[in-house]
Amino acid sequence: MKITIQLRGVYGTIKVYPVCNRAKAFASIAGASTLTRNVLQHIDALGYGFENQAISTVETVSLEQLERIVT
């Protein structure tokens, strides 16, 4: 199972925004509008994968790829 996220640059920092309802639910549980590295690690531990929704495409990304770019 995968959740859909969107990576956005905000003032020089890459943020992970939830797109699908499951991703939004995880953000809500975490009490945040974005998914932090720590939250992403917990989501991964639950067996979820990640799909990055760019403006015109959707690509599968791994936790390792996200950890390299999310602070």
N, C-alpha and C. Protein backbone atom coordinates (compact mmCIF):
# COMPACT_ATOMS: atom_id res chain seq x y z
N MET A 1 0.85 -1.17 0.00
CA MET A 1 0.00 0.00 0.00
C MET A 1 0.89 1.23 0.00
N LYS A 2 0.49 2.23 -0.73
CA LYS A 2 1.29 3.46 -0.84
C LYS A 2 0.45 4.68 -0.48
N ILE A 3 1.14 5.71 0.01
CA ILE A 3 0.49 7.00 0.22
C ILE A 3 1.08 7.98 -0.79
N THR A 4 0.28 8.95 -1.18
CA THR A 4 0.72 9.94 -2.15
C THR A 4 1.11 11.22 -1.43
N ILE A 5 2.30 11.69 -1.74
CA ILE A 5 2.85 12.90 -1.13
C ILE A 5 3.28 13.85 -2.24
N GLN A 6 3.63 15.07 -1.84
CA GLN A 6 4.17 16.04 -2.80
C GLN A 6 5.33 16.75 -2.13
N LEU A 7 6.48 16.75 -2.80
CA LEU A 7 7.66 17.44 -2.29
C LEU A 7 7.65 18.87 -2.81
N ARG A 8 7.83 19.82 -1.88
CA ARG A 8 7.84 21.24 -2.26
C ARG A 8 8.99 21.94 -1.55
N GLY A 9 9.63 22.83 -2.28
CA GLY A 9 10.67 23.66 -1.68
C GLY A 9 10.05 24.87 -1.02
N VAL A 10 10.35 25.07 0.25
CA VAL A 10 9.82 26.20 1.01
C VAL A 10 11.01 26.92 1.66
N TYR A 11 11.33 28.10 1.13
CA TYR A 11 12.45 28.89 1.65
C TYR A 11 13.73 28.06 1.76
N GLY A 12 14.02 27.27 0.73
CA GLY A 12 15.25 26.49 0.69
C GLY A 12 15.20 25.16 1.40
N THR A 13 14.07 24.80 1.97
CA THR A 13 13.91 23.53 2.67
C THR A 13 12.87 22.70 1.94
N ILE A 14 13.15 21.40 1.75
CA ILE A 14 12.19 20.51 1.11
C ILE A 14 11.20 20.03 2.17
N LYS A 15 9.92 20.23 1.90
CA LYS A 15 8.84 19.79 2.78
C LYS A 15 8.04 18.70 2.08
N VAL A 16 7.49 17.78 2.86
CA VAL A 16 6.68 16.68 2.32
C VAL A 16 5.23 16.95 2.70
N TYR A 17 4.41 17.23 1.69
CA TYR A 17 2.99 17.52 1.91
C TYR A 17 2.14 16.30 1.60
N PRO A 18 1.16 16.00 2.44
CA PRO A 18 0.27 14.87 2.17
C PRO A 18 -0.70 15.22 1.04
N VAL A 19 -0.98 14.25 0.17
CA VAL A 19 -1.92 14.48 -0.93
C VAL A 19 -3.16 13.60 -0.77
N CYS A 20 -2.97 12.30 -0.55
CA CYS A 20 -4.12 11.39 -0.44
C CYS A 20 -4.69 11.43 0.98
N ASN A 21 -5.85 10.86 1.14
CA ASN A 21 -6.53 10.88 2.45
C ASN A 21 -5.73 10.16 3.53
N ARG A 22 -5.06 9.05 3.19
CA ARG A 22 -4.25 8.34 4.18
C ARG A 22 -3.09 9.21 4.65
N ALA A 23 -2.43 9.85 3.70
CA ALA A 23 -1.31 10.72 4.06
C ALA A 23 -1.78 11.88 4.92
N LYS A 24 -2.93 12.44 4.58
CA LYS A 24 -3.50 13.53 5.39
C LYS A 24 -3.85 13.04 6.79
N ALA A 25 -4.32 11.80 6.90
CA ALA A 25 -4.64 11.24 8.21
C ALA A 25 -3.38 11.09 9.06
N PHE A 26 -2.28 10.63 8.45
CA PHE A 26 -1.02 10.53 9.19
C PHE A 26 -0.55 11.90 9.65
N ALA A 27 -0.66 12.91 8.81
CA ALA A 27 -0.26 14.27 9.20
C ALA A 27 -1.13 14.77 10.34
N SER A 28 -2.42 14.47 10.27
CA SER A 28 -3.34 14.90 11.32
C SER A 28 -3.00 14.23 12.65
N ILE A 29 -2.71 12.94 12.60
CA ILE A 29 -2.33 12.21 13.82
C ILE A 29 -1.05 12.82 14.41
N ALA A 30 -0.13 13.21 13.53
CA ALA A 30 1.14 13.81 13.98
C ALA A 30 0.96 15.25 14.43
N GLY A 31 -0.22 15.83 14.15
CA GLY A 31 -0.47 17.22 14.56
C GLY A 31 0.29 18.23 13.72
N ALA A 32 0.46 17.90 12.43
CA ALA A 32 1.22 18.79 11.56
C ALA A 32 0.58 18.86 10.18
N SER A 33 0.97 19.87 9.41
CA SER A 33 0.44 19.98 8.04
C SER A 33 1.38 19.32 7.04
N THR A 34 2.61 19.00 7.47
CA THR A 34 3.56 18.30 6.62
C THR A 34 4.01 17.02 7.32
N LEU A 35 4.64 16.14 6.56
CA LEU A 35 5.16 14.89 7.12
C LEU A 35 6.66 15.04 7.34
N THR A 36 7.09 14.91 8.57
CA THR A 36 8.51 15.05 8.91
C THR A 36 9.24 13.73 8.65
N ARG A 37 10.55 13.79 8.70
CA ARG A 37 11.36 12.58 8.53
C ARG A 37 10.95 11.51 9.54
N ASN A 38 10.73 11.89 10.78
CA ASN A 38 10.35 10.95 11.82
C ASN A 38 9.00 10.29 11.50
N VAL A 39 8.04 11.08 11.07
CA VAL A 39 6.72 10.55 10.71
C VAL A 39 6.85 9.62 9.51
N LEU A 40 7.66 9.99 8.52
CA LEU A 40 7.87 9.15 7.35
C LEU A 40 8.48 7.80 7.74
N GLN A 41 9.40 7.80 8.70
CA GLN A 41 9.99 6.55 9.17
C GLN A 41 8.94 5.65 9.80
N HIS A 42 8.03 6.24 10.58
CA HIS A 42 6.97 5.45 11.21
C HIS A 42 5.99 4.91 10.17
N ILE A 43 5.67 5.72 9.18
CA ILE A 43 4.77 5.28 8.12
C ILE A 43 5.41 4.11 7.35
N ASP A 44 6.70 4.22 7.07
CA ASP A 44 7.43 3.15 6.40
C ASP A 44 7.43 1.87 7.23
N ALA A 45 7.62 2.01 8.55
CA ALA A 45 7.62 0.86 9.44
C ALA A 45 6.27 0.14 9.45
N LEU A 46 5.21 0.87 9.16
CA LEU A 46 3.88 0.26 9.08
C LEU A 46 3.65 -0.46 7.75
N GLY A 47 4.62 -0.39 6.86
CA GLY A 47 4.53 -1.11 5.60
C GLY A 47 4.03 -0.31 4.42
N TYR A 48 3.91 0.99 4.58
CA TYR A 48 3.45 1.85 3.48
C TYR A 48 4.63 2.27 2.61
N GLY A 49 4.37 2.45 1.33
CA GLY A 49 5.34 3.01 0.41
C GLY A 49 4.94 4.44 0.11
N PHE A 50 5.72 5.10 -0.73
CA PHE A 50 5.47 6.51 -1.02
C PHE A 50 5.43 6.74 -2.52
N GLU A 51 4.50 7.58 -2.96
CA GLU A 51 4.45 8.04 -4.34
C GLU A 51 4.50 9.55 -4.31
N ASN A 52 5.45 10.12 -5.05
CA ASN A 52 5.59 11.57 -5.12
C ASN A 52 4.76 12.07 -6.29
N GLN A 53 3.79 12.92 -6.01
CA GLN A 53 2.97 13.50 -7.06
C GLN A 53 3.55 14.84 -7.46
N ALA A 54 4.22 14.87 -8.59
CA ALA A 54 4.73 16.13 -9.13
C ALA A 54 3.58 16.83 -9.84
N ILE A 55 3.86 17.94 -10.45
CA ILE A 55 2.81 18.70 -11.11
C ILE A 55 2.11 17.88 -12.18
N SER A 56 2.87 17.11 -12.97
CA SER A 56 2.24 16.37 -14.06
C SER A 56 2.47 14.87 -14.02
N THR A 57 3.27 14.37 -13.06
CA THR A 57 3.55 12.94 -13.01
C THR A 57 3.49 12.44 -11.58
N VAL A 58 3.44 11.11 -11.45
CA VAL A 58 3.50 10.47 -10.14
C VAL A 58 4.62 9.44 -10.21
N GLU A 59 5.53 9.46 -9.22
CA GLU A 59 6.63 8.51 -9.21
C GLU A 59 6.74 7.87 -7.83
N THR A 60 7.13 6.61 -7.81
CA THR A 60 7.35 5.90 -6.55
C THR A 60 8.71 6.30 -6.00
N VAL A 61 8.75 6.62 -4.71
CA VAL A 61 10.01 6.97 -4.05
C VAL A 61 10.13 6.13 -2.79
N SER A 62 11.37 5.85 -2.39
CA SER A 62 11.61 5.06 -1.18
C SER A 62 11.88 5.98 0.00
N LEU A 63 11.82 5.40 1.19
CA LEU A 63 12.13 6.17 2.39
C LEU A 63 13.56 6.69 2.32
N GLU A 64 14.49 5.89 1.81
CA GLU A 64 15.88 6.30 1.72
C GLU A 64 16.02 7.55 0.83
N GLN A 65 15.29 7.58 -0.28
CA GLN A 65 15.34 8.75 -1.14
C GLN A 65 14.78 9.98 -0.43
N LEU A 66 13.70 9.80 0.30
CA LEU A 66 13.10 10.91 1.04
C LEU A 66 14.04 11.41 2.14
N GLU A 67 14.71 10.48 2.84
CA GLU A 67 15.59 10.88 3.93
C GLU A 67 16.76 11.71 3.44
N ARG A 68 17.18 11.50 2.20
CA ARG A 68 18.31 12.28 1.65
C ARG A 68 17.94 13.72 1.39
N ILE A 69 16.64 13.99 1.16
CA ILE A 69 16.28 15.36 0.80
C ILE A 69 15.43 16.08 1.85
N VAL A 70 14.84 15.35 2.80
CA VAL A 70 13.99 15.97 3.82
C VAL A 70 14.83 16.19 5.07
N THR A 71 14.79 17.41 5.60
CA THR A 71 15.58 17.72 6.79
C THR A 71 14.80 17.41 8.04
